[in-house]
Amino acid sequence: MKAIGRHIILEMWGCQNLESVDTAERALREMVVALDVNLLDLRVYPFSPVGVTGIAIVSESHLVIHTWPEYGYAAVDLFTCGAVRDPQDAVNVLRRLYAPDRIGVMEINRGQMDLGEHDDVAKDADTQKAPEPVRRPRPRLTRTPAYSA
């Protein structure tokens, strides 16, 4: 079985720095470097009364962090396609910046294709080379202030 992408879902408990917009932004930027993906855009949003959501849009898909400081919990998604990347490189960044007591990891292979002997369509798809990711200049990023009702 071959997959188009790899989706790593991390659940982190007993974390520090969960209210920090700066920590979320730093974590996303460092994971981009650690995973060797191409950053297209990065946004981090604080929530009232607590919590942060951040997303790095990369040409290979996305990296997302959602925090719940009141529970000491963070949910992180790492979805990449193209070259195989070691998610442990991103986990090392998260361990250093959030110091979780416990991390749960789930992995989903996205876009699975059965390359069986009688599957001509899958064989044809497998022989086509995936296009190289487009390298774009890094956009100038701005931080959006917290939204209050």
Protein backbone atom coordinates (compact mmCIF):
# COMPACT_ATOMS: atom_id res chain seq x y z
CA MET A 1 0.00 0.00 0.00
CA LYS A 2 1.26 3.45 -0.88
CA ALA A 3 0.05 6.72 0.62
CA ILE A 4 0.05 10.27 -0.68
CA GLY A 5 0.59 11.82 2.74
CA ARG A 6 1.35 11.17 6.36
CA HIS A 7 -0.78 12.68 9.14
CA ILE A 8 0.70 12.59 12.64
CA ILE A 9 -1.68 13.50 15.47
CA LEU A 10 -0.08 14.34 18.81
CA GLU A 11 -1.83 14.75 22.14
CA MET A 12 0.35 16.39 24.78
CA TRP A 13 -0.60 16.46 28.46
CA GLY A 14 1.00 18.29 31.40
CA CYS A 15 2.41 21.04 29.17
CA GLN A 16 3.98 24.40 30.00
CA ASN A 17 3.76 27.69 28.02
CA LEU A 18 0.30 26.96 26.61
CA GLU A 19 -0.88 30.58 26.86
CA SER A 20 2.10 31.94 24.95
CA VAL A 21 1.56 33.14 21.38
CA ASP A 22 5.34 33.48 21.08
CA THR A 23 5.92 29.84 22.07
CA ALA A 24 3.35 28.60 19.54
CA GLU A 25 4.91 30.69 16.78
CA ARG A 26 8.40 29.55 17.70
CA ALA A 27 7.28 25.90 17.81
CA LEU A 28 5.72 26.14 14.35
CA ARG A 29 8.76 27.88 12.85
CA GLU A 30 11.18 25.40 14.40
CA MET A 31 9.08 22.42 13.25
CA VAL A 32 9.10 23.83 9.69
CA VAL A 33 12.91 23.82 9.82
CA ALA A 34 13.14 20.43 11.58
CA LEU A 35 10.85 18.77 9.03
CA ASP A 36 12.49 20.55 6.08
CA VAL A 37 9.20 21.81 4.64
CA ASN A 38 8.49 25.05 2.77
CA LEU A 39 6.62 27.70 4.77
CA LEU A 40 3.92 29.58 2.85
CA ASP A 41 2.11 31.31 5.71
CA LEU A 42 2.00 31.25 9.50
CA ARG A 43 -0.74 32.56 11.79
CA VAL A 44 -1.14 32.38 15.55
CA TYR A 45 -4.31 33.46 17.35
CA PRO A 46 -4.77 33.92 21.11
CA PHE A 47 -8.18 33.15 22.59
CA SER A 48 -9.98 34.77 25.47
CA PRO A 49 -9.89 33.88 28.28
CA VAL A 50 -7.09 31.37 27.49
CA GLY A 51 -5.63 29.26 24.71
CA VAL A 52 -3.76 29.62 21.45
CA THR A 53 -4.21 28.24 17.95
CA GLY A 54 -1.44 28.39 15.40
CA ILE A 55 -1.11 27.09 11.88
CA ALA A 56 1.80 26.89 9.49
CA ILE A 57 0.67 26.41 5.91
CA VAL A 58 3.46 24.64 4.07
CA SER A 59 3.66 23.56 0.45
CA GLU A 60 3.66 19.97 1.75
CA SER A 61 0.36 20.56 3.70
CA HIS A 62 0.16 21.98 7.26
CA LEU A 63 1.29 22.00 10.89
CA VAL A 64 -1.23 23.01 13.57
CA ILE A 65 -1.12 23.63 17.34
CA HIS A 66 -4.22 24.10 19.55
CA THR A 67 -3.74 24.69 23.30
CA TRP A 68 -6.01 24.38 26.33
CA PRO A 69 -3.97 25.84 29.22
CA GLU A 70 -6.77 25.15 31.69
CA TYR A 71 -6.22 21.42 31.08
CA GLY A 72 -2.47 21.49 30.46
CA TYR A 73 -3.27 20.02 27.04
CA ALA A 74 -2.15 20.69 23.47
CA ALA A 75 -3.32 19.04 20.25
CA VAL A 76 -0.84 19.06 17.35
CA ASP A 77 -1.33 17.93 13.74
CA LEU A 78 1.56 17.35 11.36
CA PHE A 79 0.32 16.59 7.85
CA THR A 80 2.98 16.25 5.17
CA CYS A 81 3.19 14.79 1.70
CA GLY A 82 6.07 14.29 -0.68
CA ALA A 83 9.40 13.18 0.77
CA VAL A 84 9.23 11.05 3.90
CA ARG A 85 9.96 13.08 7.01
CA ASP A 86 10.75 11.91 10.53
CA PRO A 87 8.04 13.27 12.86
CA GLN A 88 10.40 12.70 15.80
CA ASP A 89 12.23 15.85 14.68
CA ALA A 90 9.04 17.87 15.29
CA VAL A 91 8.32 16.03 18.55
CA ASN A 92 11.77 17.04 19.84
CA VAL A 93 10.88 20.70 19.22
CA LEU A 94 7.56 20.31 21.05
CA ARG A 95 9.18 18.52 24.01
CA ARG A 96 11.71 21.33 24.40
CA LEU A 97 9.20 24.20 24.17
CA TYR A 98 6.16 22.71 25.95
CA ALA A 99 7.80 20.18 28.32
CA PRO A 100 4.85 17.74 28.26
CA ASP A 101 4.55 15.03 30.90
CA ARG A 102 3.01 12.67 28.35
CA ILE A 103 2.62 12.53 24.56
CA GLY A 104 0.21 10.31 22.66
CA VAL A 105 0.88 9.72 18.96
CA MET A 106 -1.43 8.50 16.21
CA GLU A 107 -0.52 8.14 12.56
CA ILE A 108 -2.82 8.08 9.56
CA ASN A 109 -1.63 7.37 6.04
CA ARG A 110 -3.65 9.74 3.85
CA GLY A 111 -4.63 8.91 0.27
CA GLN A 112 -3.80 5.21 0.46
CA MET A 113 -3.57 3.46 -2.88
CA ASP A 114 -3.68 -0.28 -3.39
CA LEU A 115 -0.99 -1.11 -5.92
CA GLY A 116 -2.24 -4.63 -6.52
CA GLU A 117 -1.41 -6.61 -9.63
CA HIS A 118 -4.80 -6.00 -11.27
CA ASP A 119 -5.13 -2.32 -10.46
CA ASP A 120 -4.03 -0.58 -13.68
CA VAL A 121 -5.12 2.85 -12.51
CA ALA A 122 -3.03 2.60 -9.34
CA LYS A 123 -0.05 1.31 -11.33
CA ASP A 124 -0.31 4.28 -13.70
CA ALA A 125 -0.55 6.70 -10.78
CA ASP A 126 2.47 5.09 -9.11
CA THR A 127 4.68 5.46 -12.17
CA GLN A 128 4.00 9.18 -12.50
CA LYS A 129 6.51 11.34 -10.72
CA ALA A 130 5.00 13.75 -8.21
CA PRO A 131 5.68 17.38 -9.04
CA GLU A 132 8.36 19.17 -7.05
CA PRO A 133 6.95 21.60 -4.48
CA VAL A 134 6.88 25.19 -5.61
CA ARG A 135 9.50 27.24 -3.80
CA ARG A 136 8.04 30.62 -3.00
CA PRO A 137 9.56 33.54 -1.15
CA ARG A 138 8.62 33.68 2.51
CA PRO A 139 5.67 35.98 3.07
CA ARG A 140 5.88 38.77 5.59
CA LEU A 141 3.96 37.52 8.58
CA THR A 142 1.85 39.58 10.92
CA ARG A 143 0.22 38.65 14.16
CA THR A 144 -3.52 39.16 14.43
CA PRO A 145 -4.69 40.54 17.81
CA ALA A 146 -7.10 38.54 19.96
CA TYR A 147 -10.72 38.84 18.89
CA SER A 148 -13.09 39.96 21.61
CA ALA A 149 -16.87 40.06 21.46
